[in-house]
Structure formats: C-alpha cells, structure tokens
Amino acid sequence: MAEELEHDPTVPPPSEAIHLPEPSFLPVVLAFGIMLSLVGILLGIVVMAIGLIIVVVALLKWIGSARAEMADLPLEH
C-alpha cells in the first residue's frame, strides 16, 4: 500500500493546510441544557433555570474555544 501513496513529482503540493476543529463535548452539553430547559417549562421553574444556566455556560465555553482556535490560525486565513 505504501507504494500506491508515493508522491508524484508532477503534482504540485497543496496550496493550504486543512484546519479541522478539535473534538468537543460542548454540543452535547448544550443540547442537554436546551432539553432540560424545555422540559422545565412543564416541570417547574427550578428545572428550567438549571437548564438555562447549562445553556449559557455551554455557549460561553463553546464560543471561547472557537475564538481560541481562530486565534491559533495563521493570519492569511
């Protein structure tokens, strides 16, 4: 298989690197907070408040991690 993946000298190198974000648990936490706040509408204000707190914290952390990743990118992006 290594023979098949050798670099062809006639093909130019890629023009830019592909950036993929790091894996994160924050989308799952955000979905759980949204679900808890919606269920809290039926169960009571305390459950809804806990869900909303989870939503706000998860959003702030997710935005913060996205900004940190953007700051690590080269300037030409």
N, C-alpha and C. Protein backbone atom coordinates (compact mmCIF):
# COMPACT_ATOMS: atom_id res chain seq x y z
N MET A 1 0.82 -1.19 0.00
CA MET A 1 0.00 0.00 0.00
C MET A 1 0.86 1.26 0.00
N ALA A 2 2.04 1.20 0.62
CA ALA A 2 2.92 2.37 0.64
C ALA A 2 3.37 2.72 -0.76
N GLU A 3 3.45 1.74 -1.63
CA GLU A 3 3.86 2.01 -3.00
C GLU A 3 2.81 2.86 -3.72
N GLU A 4 1.55 2.68 -3.38
CA GLU A 4 0.48 3.42 -4.03
C GLU A 4 0.41 4.87 -3.58
N LEU A 5 0.92 5.17 -2.39
CA LEU A 5 0.77 6.50 -1.82
C LEU A 5 2.01 7.38 -2.02
N GLU A 6 2.96 6.95 -2.81
CA GLU A 6 4.15 7.75 -3.02
C GLU A 6 3.80 9.02 -3.78
N HIS A 7 4.55 10.07 -3.49
CA HIS A 7 4.29 11.39 -4.07
C HIS A 7 4.71 11.43 -5.54
N ASP A 8 3.82 11.90 -6.37
CA ASP A 8 4.10 12.07 -7.79
C ASP A 8 4.77 13.43 -7.97
N PRO A 9 5.99 13.50 -8.50
CA PRO A 9 6.69 14.78 -8.61
C PRO A 9 6.03 15.77 -9.57
N THR A 10 5.12 15.31 -10.42
CA THR A 10 4.45 16.23 -11.34
C THR A 10 3.26 16.94 -10.71
N VAL A 11 2.80 16.44 -9.57
CA VAL A 11 1.65 17.04 -8.89
C VAL A 11 2.16 18.11 -7.92
N PRO A 12 1.63 19.35 -7.99
CA PRO A 12 2.10 20.39 -7.07
C PRO A 12 1.61 20.12 -5.65
N PRO A 13 2.32 20.61 -4.65
CA PRO A 13 1.88 20.42 -3.27
C PRO A 13 0.59 21.19 -3.01
N PRO A 14 -0.15 20.82 -1.99
CA PRO A 14 -1.41 21.54 -1.69
C PRO A 14 -1.12 23.01 -1.36
N SER A 15 -2.04 23.87 -1.72
CA SER A 15 -1.84 25.31 -1.54
C SER A 15 -2.03 25.75 -0.10
N GLU A 16 -2.87 25.07 0.65
CA GLU A 16 -3.07 25.44 2.04
C GLU A 16 -3.42 24.21 2.86
N ALA A 17 -3.16 24.30 4.14
CA ALA A 17 -3.47 23.19 5.05
C ALA A 17 -4.96 23.23 5.41
N ILE A 18 -5.52 22.08 5.66
CA ILE A 18 -6.92 21.98 6.06
C ILE A 18 -6.99 22.04 7.57
N HIS A 19 -7.82 22.92 8.09
CA HIS A 19 -7.98 23.05 9.53
C HIS A 19 -9.28 22.39 9.95
N LEU A 20 -9.19 21.46 10.89
CA LEU A 20 -10.37 20.83 11.47
C LEU A 20 -10.42 21.18 12.95
N PRO A 21 -11.59 21.52 13.47
CA PRO A 21 -11.67 21.85 14.90
C PRO A 21 -11.47 20.60 15.76
N GLU A 22 -11.06 20.84 16.98
CA GLU A 22 -10.85 19.75 17.93
C GLU A 22 -12.21 19.11 18.29
N PRO A 23 -12.22 17.83 18.62
CA PRO A 23 -13.47 17.22 19.10
C PRO A 23 -13.91 17.88 20.41
N SER A 24 -15.20 18.00 20.59
CA SER A 24 -15.71 18.70 21.76
C SER A 24 -16.97 18.02 22.29
N PHE A 25 -17.15 18.10 23.59
CA PHE A 25 -18.36 17.59 24.23
C PHE A 25 -19.40 18.70 24.38
N LEU A 26 -19.05 19.93 24.05
CA LEU A 26 -19.93 21.07 24.28
C LEU A 26 -21.24 21.02 23.49
N PRO A 27 -21.29 20.52 22.25
CA PRO A 27 -22.60 20.42 21.59
C PRO A 27 -23.58 19.51 22.33
N VAL A 28 -23.06 18.44 22.91
CA VAL A 28 -23.93 17.52 23.66
C VAL A 28 -24.43 18.20 24.94
N VAL A 29 -23.54 18.92 25.61
CA VAL A 29 -23.94 19.63 26.83
C VAL A 29 -24.96 20.72 26.51
N LEU A 30 -24.76 21.42 25.41
CA LEU A 30 -25.71 22.45 25.00
C LEU A 30 -27.08 21.84 24.68
N ALA A 31 -27.08 20.72 23.96
CA ALA A 31 -28.35 20.05 23.65
C ALA A 31 -29.05 19.58 24.92
N PHE A 32 -28.27 19.08 25.88
CA PHE A 32 -28.86 18.65 27.15
C PHE A 32 -29.46 19.83 27.89
N GLY A 33 -28.77 20.97 27.90
CA GLY A 33 -29.29 22.16 28.57
C GLY A 33 -30.56 22.66 27.93
N ILE A 34 -30.60 22.65 26.59
CA ILE A 34 -31.83 23.07 25.90
C ILE A 34 -32.98 22.12 26.22
N MET A 35 -32.68 20.81 26.19
CA MET A 35 -33.72 19.82 26.51
C MET A 35 -34.22 20.02 27.94
N LEU A 36 -33.29 20.24 28.87
CA LEU A 36 -33.68 20.41 30.27
C LEU A 36 -34.51 21.68 30.46
N SER A 37 -34.16 22.74 29.78
CA SER A 37 -34.94 23.97 29.93
C SER A 37 -36.33 23.83 29.30
N LEU A 38 -36.44 23.08 28.20
CA LEU A 38 -37.76 22.87 27.61
C LEU A 38 -38.63 21.95 28.47
N VAL A 39 -38.03 20.93 29.04
CA VAL A 39 -38.78 20.06 29.95
C VAL A 39 -39.14 20.84 31.21
N GLY A 40 -38.27 21.78 31.59
CA GLY A 40 -38.55 22.60 32.77
C GLY A 40 -39.78 23.46 32.62
N ILE A 41 -40.17 23.76 31.39
CA ILE A 41 -41.41 24.51 31.19
C ILE A 41 -42.59 23.72 31.75
N LEU A 42 -42.52 22.39 31.60
CA LEU A 42 -43.61 21.54 32.10
C LEU A 42 -43.45 21.21 33.58
N LEU A 43 -42.20 21.02 34.04
CA LEU A 43 -41.99 20.54 35.40
C LEU A 43 -41.88 21.65 36.43
N GLY A 44 -41.34 22.76 36.06
CA GLY A 44 -41.21 23.84 37.05
C GLY A 44 -40.08 24.78 36.72
N ILE A 45 -40.12 25.92 37.38
CA ILE A 45 -39.17 26.99 37.10
C ILE A 45 -37.75 26.62 37.52
N VAL A 46 -37.60 25.78 38.54
CA VAL A 46 -36.26 25.41 39.01
C VAL A 46 -35.54 24.58 37.95
N VAL A 47 -36.22 23.62 37.38
CA VAL A 47 -35.62 22.77 36.33
C VAL A 47 -35.30 23.62 35.11
N MET A 48 -36.19 24.53 34.76
CA MET A 48 -35.95 25.40 33.62
C MET A 48 -34.75 26.31 33.87
N ALA A 49 -34.61 26.82 35.07
CA ALA A 49 -33.48 27.70 35.41
C ALA A 49 -32.16 26.93 35.33
N ILE A 50 -32.15 25.71 35.82
CA ILE A 50 -30.94 24.88 35.74
C ILE A 50 -30.57 24.64 34.28
N GLY A 51 -31.56 24.33 33.46
CA GLY A 51 -31.31 24.13 32.03
C GLY A 51 -30.77 25.38 31.37
N LEU A 52 -31.32 26.54 31.70
CA LEU A 52 -30.85 27.79 31.11
C LEU A 52 -29.43 28.12 31.55
N ILE A 53 -29.10 27.82 32.79
CA ILE A 53 -27.73 28.03 33.27
C ILE A 53 -26.76 27.14 32.48
N ILE A 54 -27.14 25.89 32.27
CA ILE A 54 -26.30 24.97 31.48
C ILE A 54 -26.13 25.49 30.06
N VAL A 55 -27.21 26.01 29.47
CA VAL A 55 -27.15 26.54 28.10
C VAL A 55 -26.19 27.73 28.03
N VAL A 56 -26.29 28.65 28.95
CA VAL A 56 -25.44 29.85 28.93
C VAL A 56 -23.97 29.47 29.12
N VAL A 57 -23.69 28.60 30.08
CA VAL A 57 -22.31 28.20 30.34
C VAL A 57 -21.73 27.45 29.14
N ALA A 58 -22.50 26.53 28.56
CA ALA A 58 -22.01 25.77 27.40
C ALA A 58 -21.77 26.69 26.21
N LEU A 59 -22.67 27.64 25.97
CA LEU A 59 -22.48 28.58 24.86
C LEU A 59 -21.23 29.44 25.06
N LEU A 60 -21.03 29.94 26.27
CA LEU A 60 -19.85 30.77 26.54
C LEU A 60 -18.56 29.97 26.36
N LYS A 61 -18.54 28.74 26.86
CA LYS A 61 -17.34 27.92 26.69
C LYS A 61 -17.11 27.58 25.22
N TRP A 62 -18.16 27.27 24.49
CA TRP A 62 -18.04 26.90 23.07
C TRP A 62 -17.55 28.10 22.25
N ILE A 63 -18.09 29.27 22.50
CA ILE A 63 -17.65 30.47 21.80
C ILE A 63 -16.20 30.79 22.16
N GLY A 64 -15.85 30.63 23.43
CA GLY A 64 -14.47 30.87 23.86
C GLY A 64 -13.49 29.93 23.20
N SER A 65 -13.84 28.65 23.10
CA SER A 65 -12.93 27.70 22.47
C SER A 65 -12.83 27.95 20.97
N ALA A 66 -13.92 28.38 20.33
CA ALA A 66 -13.88 28.70 18.91
C ALA A 66 -13.01 29.93 18.66
N ARG A 67 -13.09 30.92 19.53
CA ARG A 67 -12.25 32.11 19.39
C ARG A 67 -10.78 31.77 19.60
N ALA A 68 -10.49 30.88 20.54
CA ALA A 68 -9.10 30.47 20.78
C ALA A 68 -8.54 29.72 19.57
N GLU A 69 -9.36 28.86 18.98
CA GLU A 69 -8.91 28.14 17.78
C GLU A 69 -8.70 29.10 16.61
N MET A 70 -9.57 30.08 16.47
CA MET A 70 -9.41 31.07 15.40
C MET A 70 -8.14 31.88 15.58
N ALA A 71 -7.80 32.18 16.84
CA ALA A 71 -6.59 32.96 17.11
C ALA A 71 -5.32 32.16 16.77
N ASP A 72 -5.40 30.82 16.83
CA ASP A 72 -4.25 29.98 16.53
C ASP A 72 -4.02 29.81 15.04
N LEU A 73 -4.99 30.17 14.22
CA LEU A 73 -4.84 30.01 12.77
C LEU A 73 -3.83 31.03 12.23
N PRO A 74 -3.18 30.71 11.12
CA PRO A 74 -2.29 31.70 10.51
C PRO A 74 -3.09 32.92 10.03
N LEU A 75 -2.40 34.05 9.90
CA LEU A 75 -3.08 35.30 9.57
C LEU A 75 -3.67 35.33 8.18
N GLU A 76 -3.15 34.54 7.24
CA GLU A 76 -3.67 34.57 5.88
C GLU A 76 -5.02 33.88 5.73
N HIS A 77 -5.56 33.29 6.81
CA HIS A 77 -6.88 32.64 6.71
C HIS A 77 -7.97 33.64 6.94
